[in-house]
Amino acid sequence: MADSIAILSLLIGLELVLGVDNILVITIFVSRLPEEKRNQARIIGLAVALIARIGILALLIKLSGLTNTIVSDYSIRDLILIAGGLFLLYKAVKEIHHTVEGGHESEGPEKGAASVSSIITQIVLLDIVFSVDSVITAIGLTEKLWIIVSSVIVSFVALLFFAKPIGEYILKRPALKILALSFLITIGVTIFLEGMHQHVPKGYIYLPMGFALMVELLQMRHQYNSNRRPQRVDKD
């Protein structure tokens, strides 16, 4: 029983770390929607993604062919990662262009509301891409379905709880939004390279991202303190 709890804790930690990527993706995707529609898209997208992830898990337990070569030297897993990485790169670059050029302001609320189903679909597809490696890792650690499903559900609840406050905090600060989009470009490149059999140590990705975030937060704090200081008026 102790071993099961230890593996469960390890898998929950793994899912929570990977959940950071999910929060960034969800934040950027729902930013295209009217504010009153964002939480709906988050909840529905995550719920459907949870069902899809459990479905993938059940499929992988029955089928071991996801990592078997099907085209040249590439497996289904590799093709999913390549396609997902390219899609994430495309979305991140497109969103940076919209943010920098002010494209969101020219889009009416009707257009945003009509795209709710599209945003949910994209959230689910990217969650599947992010979950492929974590699910394969989980199966490699344990064959007990209840442990893996429990870790997925716990991480889903945590993601559901933190996605909105973190997302809204980012969206209210353009500099943080652009930084998050830059992170998504890095993550997209990493996923693509993984699909191409080029392993990139995660430390090389998350440490620079964490450092860049810390620098940006310090800059925001400095700006906040500067704005609070009373302006000194020079006397003639």
Foldseek 3Di string as FASTA:
>chain_A
DVLLVVLLVVLLVVLQVLLVLLLLLLLLLLLLAPPVCSLVLVVLLLVVLLVVLLVVLVVCLVDVQQQPDDDDNFGVLLVLLQVLLVVLLVSLVVSLCCLVVVVSVVDDNVVRVVCSVVSSVVSSSNSVNSCPVSSVVSVVSDVDSVSNSVSSVVSSVVSSVPSVVVSVVQSVDSVSSNLSSVLSNVVSVQSNCVSVVNHDPCCVRVVVSVVVVVVVVVVVVVVVVVVPDDDDDDDD
